[in-house]
């Protein structure tokens, strides 16, 4: 019996994923009024990284305050936002998984 390609490793750039299942970008809008991800964001991504070797693609993340028109869209232009995303990234990496930021 052969294993589906879905559960076989694949090289993706500089990383090797242990399977071909990835978390697609999701819009959660779990940030404060300054577009800083709330602590629940770290928990959510860490939960989805629980199978080592998983690729997670973040929700759309604004690279500048002028880049989006929606309230509560996460940002990554201020020191406070970057610090919050570093916590998320560290939690994902601690689980042996990978994270890719989807920016606007």
PDB file of N, CA and C in Angstrom:
ATOM      1  N   UNK A   1       0.850  -1.173   0.000  1.00  0.00           N
ATOM      2  CA  UNK A   1       0.000   0.000   0.000  1.00  0.00           C
ATOM      3  C   UNK A   1       0.896   1.237   0.000  1.00  0.00           C
ATOM      4  N   UNK A   2       0.671   2.157  -0.915  1.00  0.00           N
ATOM      5  CA  UNK A   2       1.482   3.360  -0.995  1.00  0.00           C
ATOM      6  C   UNK A   2       0.847   4.492  -0.185  1.00  0.00           C
ATOM      7  N   UNK A   3       1.693   5.384   0.270  1.00  0.00           N
ATOM      8  CA  UNK A   3       1.238   6.535   1.024  1.00  0.00           C
ATOM      9  C   UNK A   3       0.925   7.677   0.061  1.00  0.00           C
ATOM     10  N   UNK A   4      -0.134   8.391   0.331  1.00  0.00           N
ATOM     11  CA  UNK A   4      -0.495   9.551  -0.480  1.00  0.00           C
ATOM     12  C   UNK A   4       0.622  10.585  -0.436  1.00  0.00           C
ATOM     13  N   UNK A   5       0.834  11.290  -1.542  1.00  0.00           N
ATOM     14  CA  UNK A   5       1.827  12.355  -1.566  1.00  0.00           C
ATOM     15  C   UNK A   5       1.535  13.431  -0.527  1.00  0.00           C
ATOM     16  N   UNK A   6       0.293  13.554  -0.112  1.00  0.00           N
ATOM     17  CA  UNK A   6      -0.094  14.548   0.881  1.00  0.00           C
ATOM     18  C   UNK A   6       0.706  14.407   2.173  1.00  0.00           C
ATOM     19  N   UNK A   7       1.073  13.191   2.511  1.00  0.00           N
ATOM     20  CA  UNK A   7       1.775  12.942   3.767  1.00  0.00           C
ATOM     21  C   UNK A   7       3.253  12.638   3.579  1.00  0.00           C
ATOM     22  N   UNK A   8       3.793  12.987   2.435  1.00  0.00           N
ATOM     23  CA  UNK A   8       5.222  12.822   2.177  1.00  0.00           C
ATOM     24  C   UNK A   8       5.926  14.162   2.310  1.00  0.00           C
ATOM     25  N   UNK A   9       7.177  14.149   2.766  1.00  0.00           N
ATOM     26  CA  UNK A   9       7.936  15.403   2.880  1.00  0.00           C
ATOM     27  C   UNK A   9       8.123  16.073   1.521  1.00  0.00           C
ATOM     28  N   UNK A  10       8.322  17.395   1.582  1.00  0.00           N
ATOM     29  CA  UNK A  10       8.583  18.164   0.375  1.00  0.00           C
ATOM     30  C   UNK A  10       9.497  19.329   0.739  1.00  0.00           C
ATOM     31  N   UNK A  11      10.452  19.590  -0.133  1.00  0.00           N
ATOM     32  CA  UNK A  11      11.347  20.730   0.067  1.00  0.00           C
ATOM     33  C   UNK A  11      10.644  21.962  -0.480  1.00  0.00           C
ATOM     34  N   UNK A  12      10.617  23.020   0.322  1.00  0.00           N
ATOM     35  CA  UNK A  12       9.947  24.263  -0.020  1.00  0.00           C
ATOM     36  C   UNK A  12      10.937  25.389   0.259  1.00  0.00           C
ATOM     37  N   UNK A  13      11.633  25.834  -0.773  1.00  0.00           N
ATOM     38  CA  UNK A  13      12.688  26.831  -0.566  1.00  0.00           C
ATOM     39  C   UNK A  13      13.809  26.226   0.249  1.00  0.00           C
ATOM     40  N   UNK A  14      14.148  26.871   1.352  1.00  0.00           N
ATOM     41  CA  UNK A  14      15.233  26.398   2.222  1.00  0.00           C
ATOM     42  C   UNK A  14      14.756  25.454   3.321  1.00  0.00           C
ATOM     43  N   UNK A  15      13.478  25.147   3.359  1.00  0.00           N
ATOM     44  CA  UNK A  15      12.953  24.293   4.421  1.00  0.00           C
ATOM     45  C   UNK A  15      12.399  22.996   3.840  1.00  0.00           C
ATOM     46  N   UNK A  16      12.331  21.999   4.683  1.00  0.00           N
ATOM     47  CA  UNK A  16      11.702  20.738   4.294  1.00  0.00           C
ATOM     48  C   UNK A  16      10.492  20.539   5.185  1.00  0.00           C
ATOM     49  N   UNK A  17       9.334  20.499   4.548  1.00  0.00           N
ATOM     50  CA  UNK A  17       8.096  20.251   5.268  1.00  0.00           C
ATOM     51  C   UNK A  17       7.927  18.752   5.435  1.00  0.00           C
ATOM     52  N   UNK A  18       7.382  18.321   6.560  1.00  0.00           N
ATOM     53  CA  UNK A  18       7.210  16.890   6.807  1.00  0.00           C
ATOM     54  C   UNK A  18       5.985  16.318   6.116  1.00  0.00           C
ATOM     55  N   UNK A  19       5.137  17.208   5.620  1.00  0.00           N
ATOM     56  CA  UNK A  19       3.931  16.797   4.896  1.00  0.00           C
ATOM     57  C   UNK A  19       3.518  17.964   4.029  1.00  0.00           C
ATOM     58  N   UNK A  20       2.485  17.802   3.244  1.00  0.00           N
ATOM     59  CA  UNK A  20       2.063  18.833   2.294  1.00  0.00           C
ATOM     60  C   UNK A  20       0.754  19.517   2.699  1.00  0.00           C
ATOM     61  N   UNK A  21       0.449  19.468   3.968  1.00  0.00           N
ATOM     62  CA  UNK A  21      -0.723  20.137   4.503  1.00  0.00           C
ATOM     63  C   UNK A  21      -0.249  21.460   5.102  1.00  0.00           C
ATOM     64  N   UNK A  22      -0.843  22.570   4.688  1.00  0.00           N
ATOM     65  CA  UNK A  22      -0.451  23.887   5.192  1.00  0.00           C
ATOM     66  C   UNK A  22      -1.681  24.634   5.695  1.00  0.00           C
ATOM     67  N   UNK A  23      -1.437  25.553   6.619  1.00  0.00           N
ATOM     68  CA  UNK A  23      -2.506  26.429   7.076  1.00  0.00           C
ATOM     69  C   UNK A  23      -2.572  27.610   6.130  1.00  0.00           C
ATOM     70  N   UNK A  24      -3.678  27.743   5.443  1.00  0.00           N
ATOM     71  CA  UNK A  24      -3.878  28.862   4.523  1.00  0.00           C
ATOM     72  C   UNK A  24      -4.158  30.133   5.318  1.00  0.00           C
ATOM     73  N   UNK A  25      -3.958  31.288   4.704  1.00  0.00           N
ATOM     74  CA  UNK A  25      -4.241  32.546   5.404  1.00  0.00           C
ATOM     75  C   UNK A  25      -5.700  32.626   5.845  1.00  0.00           C
ATOM     76  N   UNK A  26      -5.896  33.063   7.068  1.00  0.00           N
ATOM     77  CA  UNK A  26      -7.234  33.220   7.638  1.00  0.00           C
ATOM     78  C   UNK A  26      -7.373  34.648   8.156  1.00  0.00           C
ATOM     79  N   UNK A  27      -8.511  35.255   8.011  1.00  0.00           N
ATOM     80  CA  UNK A  27      -8.734  36.586   8.540  1.00  0.00           C
ATOM     81  C   UNK A  27      -9.366  36.449   9.914  1.00  0.00           C
ATOM     82  N   UNK A  28      -8.634  36.837  10.935  1.00  0.00           N
ATOM     83  CA  UNK A  28      -9.120  36.701  12.306  1.00  0.00           C
ATOM     84  C   UNK A  28      -9.377  38.036  12.982  1.00  0.00           C
ATOM     85  N   UNK A  29      -8.660  39.094  12.573  1.00  0.00           N
ATOM     86  CA  UNK A  29      -8.855  40.443  13.119  1.00  0.00           C
ATOM     87  C   UNK A  29      -8.706  40.475  14.643  1.00  0.00           C
ATOM     88  N   UNK A  30      -7.746  39.744  15.155  1.00  0.00           N
ATOM     89  CA  UNK A  30      -7.515  39.669  16.602  1.00  0.00           C
ATOM     90  C   UNK A  30      -6.341  40.569  16.989  1.00  0.00           C
ATOM     91  N   UNK A  31      -6.570  41.847  16.852  1.00  0.00           N
ATOM     92  CA  UNK A  31      -5.542  42.839  17.189  1.00  0.00           C
ATOM     93  C   UNK A  31      -6.191  43.981  17.959  1.00  0.00           C
ATOM     94  N   UNK A  32      -5.346  44.813  18.571  1.00  0.00           N
ATOM     95  CA  UNK A  32      -5.878  45.978  19.275  1.00  0.00           C
ATOM     96  C   UNK A  32      -6.017  47.168  18.322  1.00  0.00           C
ATOM     97  N   UNK A  33      -6.355  48.318  18.865  1.00  0.00           N
ATOM     98  CA  UNK A  33      -6.582  49.503  18.028  1.00  0.00           C
ATOM     99  C   UNK A  33      -5.324  50.004  17.322  1.00  0.00           C
ATOM    100  N   UNK A  34      -4.151  49.526  17.775  1.00  0.00           N
ATOM    101  CA  UNK A  34      -2.883  49.896  17.138  1.00  0.00           C
ATOM    102  C   UNK A  34      -2.378  48.806  16.187  1.00  0.00           C
ATOM    103  N   UNK A  35      -3.242  47.867  15.850  1.00  0.00           N
ATOM    104  CA  UNK A  35      -2.941  46.775  14.923  1.00  0.00           C
ATOM    105  C   UNK A  35      -1.905  45.796  15.482  1.00  0.00           C
ATOM    106  N   UNK A  36      -1.799  45.729  16.819  1.00  0.00           N
ATOM    107  CA  UNK A  36      -0.868  44.820  17.493  1.00  0.00           C
ATOM    108  C   UNK A  36      -1.604  43.513  17.780  1.00  0.00           C
ATOM    109  N   UNK A  37      -1.052  42.374  17.339  1.00  0.00           N
ATOM    110  CA  UNK A  37      -1.691  41.089  17.620  1.00  0.00           C
ATOM    111  C   UNK A  37      -1.887  40.865  19.122  1.00  0.00           C
ATOM    112  N   UNK A  38      -3.080  40.401  19.488  1.00  0.00           N
ATOM    113  CA  UNK A  38      -3.397  40.080  20.877  1.00  0.00           C
ATOM    114  C   UNK A  38      -2.725  38.758  21.267  1.00  0.00           C
ATOM    115  N   UNK A  39      -2.563  38.482  22.564  1.00  0.00           N
ATOM    116  CA  UNK A  39      -1.935  37.223  23.001  1.00  0.00           C
ATOM    117  C   UNK A  39      -2.603  35.971  22.424  1.00  0.00           C
ATOM    118  N   UNK A  40      -3.892  36.031  22.148  1.00  0.00           N
ATOM    119  CA  UNK A  40      -4.593  34.866  21.596  1.00  0.00           C
ATOM    120  C   UNK A  40      -4.042  34.476  20.216  1.00  0.00           C
ATOM    121  N   UNK A  41      -3.445  35.420  19.505  1.00  0.00           N
ATOM    122  CA  UNK A  41      -2.880  35.130  18.182  1.00  0.00           C
ATOM    123  C   UNK A  41      -1.719  34.146  18.322  1.00  0.00           C
ATOM    124  N   UNK A  42      -0.859  34.381  19.309  1.00  0.00           N
ATOM    125  CA  UNK A  42       0.255  33.466  19.566  1.00  0.00           C
ATOM    126  C   UNK A  42      -0.268  32.056  19.870  1.00  0.00           C
ATOM    127  N   UNK A  43      -1.268  31.987  20.715  1.00  0.00           N
ATOM    128  CA  UNK A  43      -1.856  30.699  21.088  1.00  0.00           C
ATOM    129  C   UNK A  43      -2.460  29.986  19.872  1.00  0.00           C
ATOM    130  N   UNK A  44      -3.176  30.735  19.044  1.00  0.00           N
ATOM    131  CA  UNK A  44      -3.834  30.152  17.873  1.00  0.00           C
ATOM    132  C   UNK A  44      -2.818  29.562  16.903  1.00  0.00           C
ATOM    133  N   UNK A  45      -1.774  30.323  16.575  1.00  0.00           N
ATOM    134  CA  UNK A  45      -0.776  29.810  15.641  1.00  0.00           C
ATOM    135  C   UNK A  45       0.021  28.652  16.249  1.00  0.00           C
ATOM    136  N   UNK A  46       0.313  28.714  17.541  1.00  0.00           N
ATOM    137  CA  UNK A  46       1.037  27.617  18.199  1.00  0.00           C
ATOM    138  C   UNK A  46       0.215  26.330  18.156  1.00  0.00           C
ATOM    139  N   UNK A  47      -1.089  26.428  18.357  1.00  0.00           N
ATOM    140  CA  UNK A  47      -1.954  25.243  18.285  1.00  0.00           C
ATOM    141  C   UNK A  47      -1.895  24.618  16.896  1.00  0.00           C
ATOM    142  N   UNK A  48      -1.903  25.445  15.874  1.00  0.00           N
ATOM    143  CA  UNK A  48      -1.904  24.935  14.502  1.00  0.00           C
ATOM    144  C   UNK A  48      -0.529  24.453  14.056  1.00  0.00           C
ATOM    145  N   UNK A  49       0.486  24.743  14.845  1.00  0.00           N
ATOM    146  CA  UNK A  49       1.851  24.289  14.555  1.00  0.00           C
ATOM    147  C   UNK A  49       2.192  23.012  15.314  1.00  0.00           C
ATOM    148  N   UNK A  50       1.219  22.390  15.944  1.00  0.00           N
ATOM    149  CA  UNK A  50       1.489  21.265  16.838  1.00  0.00           C
ATOM    150  C   UNK A  50       2.037  20.025  16.134  1.00  0.00           C
ATOM    151  N   UNK A  51       1.818  19.887  14.841  1.00  0.00           N
ATOM    152  CA  UNK A  51       2.435  18.789  14.084  1.00  0.00           C
ATOM    153  C   UNK A  51       3.738  19.337  13.489  1.00  0.00           C
ATOM    154  N   UNK A  52       4.901  18.924  14.012  1.00  0.00           N
ATOM    155  CA  UNK A  52       6.164  19.460  13.517  1.00  0.00           C
ATOM    156  C   UNK A  52       6.280  19.345  11.995  1.00  0.00           C
ATOM    157  N   UNK A  53       6.900  20.367  11.412  1.00  0.00           N
ATOM    158  CA  UNK A  53       7.098  20.359   9.972  1.00  0.00           C
ATOM    159  C   UNK A  53       5.954  20.937   9.183  1.00  0.00           C
ATOM    160  N   UNK A  54       5.020  21.619   9.876  1.00  0.00           N
ATOM    161  CA  UNK A  54       3.864  22.220   9.221  1.00  0.00           C
ATOM    162  C   UNK A  54       4.190  23.643   8.772  1.00  0.00           C
ATOM    163  N   UNK A  55       3.662  24.041   7.617  1.00  0.00           N
ATOM    164  CA  UNK A  55       3.792  25.408   7.133  1.00  0.00           C
ATOM    165  C   UNK A  55       2.520  26.171   7.458  1.00  0.00           C
ATOM    166  N   UNK A  56       2.681  27.321   8.122  1.00  0.00           N
ATOM    167  CA  UNK A  56       1.562  28.199   8.444  1.00  0.00           C
ATOM    168  C   UNK A  56       1.753  29.504   7.684  1.00  0.00           C
ATOM    169  N   UNK A  57       0.721  29.957   7.003  1.00  0.00           N
ATOM    170  CA  UNK A  57       0.758  31.237   6.308  1.00  0.00           C
ATOM    171  C   UNK A  57      -0.155  32.178   7.083  1.00  0.00           C
ATOM    172  N   UNK A  58       0.395  33.320   7.505  1.00  0.00           N
ATOM    173  CA  UNK A  58      -0.383  34.231   8.347  1.00  0.00           C
ATOM    174  C   UNK A  58      -1.498  34.911   7.559  1.00  0.00           C
ATOM    175  N   UNK A  59      -2.389  35.479   8.329  1.00  0.00           N
ATOM    176  CA  UNK A  59      -3.403  36.330   7.736  1.00  0.00           C
ATOM    177  C   UNK A  59      -2.722  37.538   7.112  1.00  0.00           C
ATOM    178  N   UNK A  60      -3.411  38.252   6.251  1.00  0.00           N
ATOM    179  CA  UNK A  60      -2.851  39.445   5.623  1.00  0.00           C
ATOM    180  C   UNK A  60      -2.379  40.407   6.709  1.00  0.00           C
ATOM    181  N   UNK A  61      -1.141  40.852   6.591  1.00  0.00           N
ATOM    182  CA  UNK A  61      -0.517  41.706   7.589  1.00  0.00           C
ATOM    183  C   UNK A  61      -0.087  43.006   6.917  1.00  0.00           C
ATOM    184  N   UNK A  62      -0.579  44.123   7.409  1.00  0.00           N
ATOM    185  CA  UNK A  62      -0.271  45.418   6.816  1.00  0.00           C
ATOM    186  C   UNK A  62       1.187  45.804   7.052  1.00  0.00           C
ATOM    187  N   UNK A  63       1.850  46.299   6.016  1.00  0.00           N
ATOM    188  CA  UNK A  63       3.245  46.717   6.149  1.00  0.00           C
ATOM    189  C   UNK A  63       3.361  48.210   6.445  1.00  0.00           C
ATOM    190  N   UNK A  64       2.234  48.908   6.437  1.00  0.00           N
ATOM    191  CA  UNK A  64       2.215  50.350   6.697  1.00  0.00           C
ATOM    192  C   UNK A  64       0.791  50.734   7.081  1.00  0.00           C
ATOM    193  N   UNK A  65       0.655  51.760   7.897  1.00  0.00           N
ATOM    194  CA  UNK A  65      -0.680  52.209   8.320  1.00  0.00           C
ATOM    195  C   UNK A  65      -1.546  52.602   7.130  1.00  0.00           C
ATOM    196  N   UNK A  66      -0.914  53.031   6.047  1.00  0.00           N
ATOM    197  CA  UNK A  66      -1.657  53.459   4.853  1.00  0.00           C
ATOM    198  C   UNK A  66      -1.998  52.297   3.913  1.00  0.00           C
ATOM    199  N   UNK A  67      -1.587  51.082   4.268  1.00  0.00           N
ATOM    200  CA  UNK A  67      -1.739  49.941   3.354  1.00  0.00           C
ATOM    201  C   UNK A  67      -3.135  49.320   3.367  1.00  0.00           C
ATOM    202  N   UNK A  68      -3.924  49.560   4.393  1.00  0.00           N
ATOM    203  CA  UNK A  68      -5.236  48.917   4.452  1.00  0.00           C
ATOM    204  C   UNK A  68      -6.285  49.840   5.026  1.00  0.00           C
ATOM    205  N   UNK A  69      -7.515  49.562   4.723  1.00  0.00           N
ATOM    206  CA  UNK A  69      -8.596  50.408   5.179  1.00  0.00           C
ATOM    207  C   UNK A  69      -9.450  49.793   6.266  1.00  0.00           C
ATOM    208  N   UNK A  70      -9.171  48.578   6.675  1.00  0.00           N
ATOM    209  CA  UNK A  70     -10.001  47.899   7.662  1.00  0.00           C
ATOM    210  C   UNK A  70      -9.441  48.060   9.069  1.00  0.00           C
ATOM    211  N   UNK A  71     -10.332  48.300  10.011  1.00  0.00           N
ATOM    212  CA  UNK A  71      -9.916  48.337  11.416  1.00  0.00           C
ATOM    213  C   UNK A  71      -9.550  46.923  11.858  1.00  0.00           C
ATOM    214  N   UNK A  72      -8.661  46.835  12.774  1.00  0.00           N
ATOM    215  CA  UNK A  72      -8.265  45.571  13.398  1.00  0.00           C
ATOM    216  C   UNK A  72      -7.596  44.579  12.455  1.00  0.00           C
ATOM    217  N   UNK A  73      -6.940  45.093  11.432  1.00  0.00           N
ATOM    218  CA  UNK A  73      -6.097  44.251  10.577  1.00  0.00           C
ATOM    219  C   UNK A  73      -4.703  44.272  11.197  1.00  0.00           C
ATOM    220  N   UNK A  74      -4.065  43.118  11.355  1.00  0.00           N
ATOM    221  CA  UNK A  74      -2.743  43.129  11.983  1.00  0.00           C
ATOM    222  C   UNK A  74      -1.718  43.906  11.161  1.00  0.00           C
ATOM    223  N   UNK A  75      -0.804  44.534  11.875  1.00  0.00           N
ATOM    224  CA  UNK A  75       0.265  45.275  11.224  1.00  0.00           C
ATOM    225  C   UNK A  75       1.621  44.716  11.588  1.00  0.00           C
ATOM    226  N   UNK A  76       2.634  45.157  10.840  1.00  0.00           N
ATOM    227  CA  UNK A  76       4.003  44.743  11.127  1.00  0.00           C
ATOM    228  C   UNK A  76       4.969  45.893  10.815  1.00  0.00           C
ATOM    229  N   UNK A  77       4.530  47.143  11.099  1.00  0.00           N
ATOM    230  CA  UNK A  77       5.388  48.293  10.821  1.00  0.00           C
ATOM    231  C   UNK A  77       5.927  48.949  12.095  1.00  0.00           C
ATOM    232  N   UNK A  78       5.306  48.720  13.245  1.00  0.00           N
ATOM    233  CA  UNK A  78       5.774  49.369  14.473  1.00  0.00           C
ATOM    234  C   UNK A  78       6.564  48.380  15.327  1.00  0.00           C
ATOM    235  N   UNK A  79       7.358  48.926  16.230  1.00  0.00           N
ATOM    236  CA  UNK A  79       8.145  48.076  17.136  1.00  0.00           C
ATOM    237  C   UNK A  79       7.241  47.177  17.977  1.00  0.00           C
ATOM    238  N   UNK A  80       6.112  47.713  18.428  1.00  0.00           N
ATOM    239  CA  UNK A  80       5.180  46.937  19.249  1.00  0.00           C
ATOM    240  C   UNK A  80       4.571  45.771  18.449  1.00  0.00           C
ATOM    241  N   UNK A  81       4.215  46.020  17.206  1.00  0.00           N
ATOM    242  CA  UNK A  81       3.667  44.962  16.346  1.00  0.00           C
ATOM    243  C   UNK A  81       4.721  43.893  16.075  1.00  0.00           C
ATOM    244  N   UNK A  82       5.911  44.329  15.748  1.00  0.00           N
ATOM    245  CA  UNK A  82       7.005  43.386  15.456  1.00  0.00           C
ATOM    246  C   UNK A  82       7.298  42.528  16.675  1.00  0.00           C
ATOM    247  N   UNK A  83       7.306  43.128  17.857  1.00  0.00           N
ATOM    248  CA  UNK A  83       7.546  42.359  19.088  1.00  0.00           C
ATOM    249  C   UNK A  83       6.476  41.291  19.292  1.00  0.00           C
ATOM    250  N   UNK A  84       5.222  41.636  19.020  1.00  0.00           N
ATOM    251  CA  UNK A  84       4.130  40.661  19.168  1.00  0.00           C
ATOM    252  C   UNK A  84       4.273  39.535  18.151  1.00  0.00           C
ATOM    253  N   UNK A  85       4.617  39.867  16.896  1.00  0.00           N
ATOM    254  CA  UNK A  85       4.786  38.829  15.871  1.00  0.00           C
ATOM    255  C   UNK A  85       5.997  37.951  16.171  1.00  0.00           C
ATOM    256  N   UNK A  86       7.036  38.501  16.799  1.00  0.00           N
ATOM    257  CA  UNK A  86       8.195  37.680  17.178  1.00  0.00           C
ATOM    258  C   UNK A  86       7.786  36.601  18.179  1.00  0.00           C
ATOM    259  N   UNK A  87       6.866  36.934  19.085  1.00  0.00           N
ATOM    260  CA  UNK A  87       6.351  35.939  20.033  1.00  0.00           C
ATOM    261  C   UNK A  87       5.598  34.835  19.300  1.00  0.00           C
ATOM    262  N   UNK A  88       4.803  35.226  18.315  1.00  0.00           N
ATOM    263  CA  UNK A  88       4.060  34.246  17.508  1.00  0.00           C
ATOM    264  C   UNK A  88       5.040  33.341  16.773  1.00  0.00           C
ATOM    265  N   UNK A  89       6.012  33.955  16.113  1.00  0.00           N
ATOM    266  CA  UNK A  89       7.006  33.201  15.338  1.00  0.00           C
ATOM    267  C   UNK A  89       7.776  32.246  16.235  1.00  0.00           C
ATOM    268  N   UNK A  90       8.190  32.710  17.410  1.00  0.00           N
ATOM    269  CA  UNK A  90       8.925  31.851  18.342  1.00  0.00           C
ATOM    270  C   UNK A  90       8.090  30.660  18.788  1.00  0.00           C
ATOM    271  N   UNK A  91       6.802  30.889  19.021  1.00  0.00           N
ATOM    272  CA  UNK A  91       5.913  29.795  19.443  1.00  0.00           C
ATOM    273  C   UNK A  91       5.778  28.752  18.338  1.00  0.00           C
ATOM    274  N   UNK A  92       5.671  29.198  17.094  1.00  0.00           N
ATOM    275  CA  UNK A  92       5.564  28.273  15.957  1.00  0.00           C
ATOM    276  C   UNK A  92       6.870  27.498  15.789  1.00  0.00           C
ATOM    277  N   UNK A  93       7.994  28.191  15.844  1.00  0.00           N
ATOM    278  CA  UNK A  93       9.288  27.521  15.691  1.00  0.00           C
ATOM    279  C   UNK A  93       9.548  26.542  16.833  1.00  0.00           C
ATOM    280  N   UNK A  94       9.086  26.871  18.045  1.00  0.00           N
ATOM    281  CA  UNK A  94       9.260  25.970  19.191  1.00  0.00           C
ATOM    282  C   UNK A  94       8.548  24.638  18.976  1.00  0.00           C
ATOM    283  N   UNK A  95       7.510  24.640  18.161  1.00  0.00           N
ATOM    284  CA  UNK A  95       6.773  23.415  17.837  1.00  0.00           C
ATOM    285  C   UNK A  95       7.397  22.662  16.661  1.00  0.00           C
ATOM    286  N   UNK A  96       8.493  23.228  16.086  1.00  0.00           N
ATOM    287  CA  UNK A  96       9.148  22.564  14.957  1.00  0.00           C
ATOM    288  C   UNK A  96       8.483  22.846  13.625  1.00  0.00           C
ATOM    289  N   UNK A  97       7.681  23.903  13.581  1.00  0.00           N
ATOM    290  CA  UNK A  97       6.971  24.254  12.346  1.00  0.00           C
ATOM    291  C   UNK A  97       7.491  25.573  11.780  1.00  0.00           C
ATOM    292  N   UNK A  98       6.919  26.002  10.680  1.00  0.00           N
ATOM    293  CA  UNK A  98       7.403  27.157   9.930  1.00  0.00           C
ATOM    294  C   UNK A  98       6.260  28.140   9.722  1.00  0.00           C
ATOM    295  N   UNK A  99       6.609  29.444   9.646  1.00  0.00           N
ATOM    296  CA  UNK A  99       5.596  30.477   9.454  1.00  0.00           C
ATOM    297  C   UNK A  99       6.055  31.425   8.363  1.00  0.00           C
ATOM    298  N   UNK A 100       5.109  31.815   7.504  1.00  0.00           N
ATOM    299  CA  UNK A 100       5.359  32.732   6.403  1.00  0.00           C
ATOM    300  C   UNK A 100       4.357  33.873   6.533  1.00  0.00           C
ATOM    301  N   UNK A 101       4.859  35.106   6.456  1.00  0.00           N
ATOM    302  CA  UNK A 101       3.981  36.264   6.597  1.00  0.00           C
ATOM    303  C   UNK A 101       3.435  36.690   5.235  1.00  0.00           C
ATOM    304  N   UNK A 102       2.139  36.878   5.211  1.00  0.00           N
ATOM    305  CA  UNK A 102       1.431  37.343   4.032  1.00  0.00           C
ATOM    306  C   UNK A 102       1.166  38.822   4.228  1.00  0.00           C
ATOM    307  N   UNK A 103       1.827  39.665   3.464  1.00  0.00           N
ATOM    308  CA  UNK A 103       1.701  41.101   3.672  1.00  0.00           C
ATOM    309  C   UNK A 103       0.865  41.794   2.619  1.00  0.00           C
ATOM    310  N   UNK A 104       0.349  42.951   3.011  1.00  0.00           N
ATOM    311  CA  UNK A 104      -0.392  43.825   2.106  1.00  0.00           C
ATOM    312  C   UNK A 104       0.397  45.095   1.923  1.00  0.00           C
TER     313      UNK A 104
END
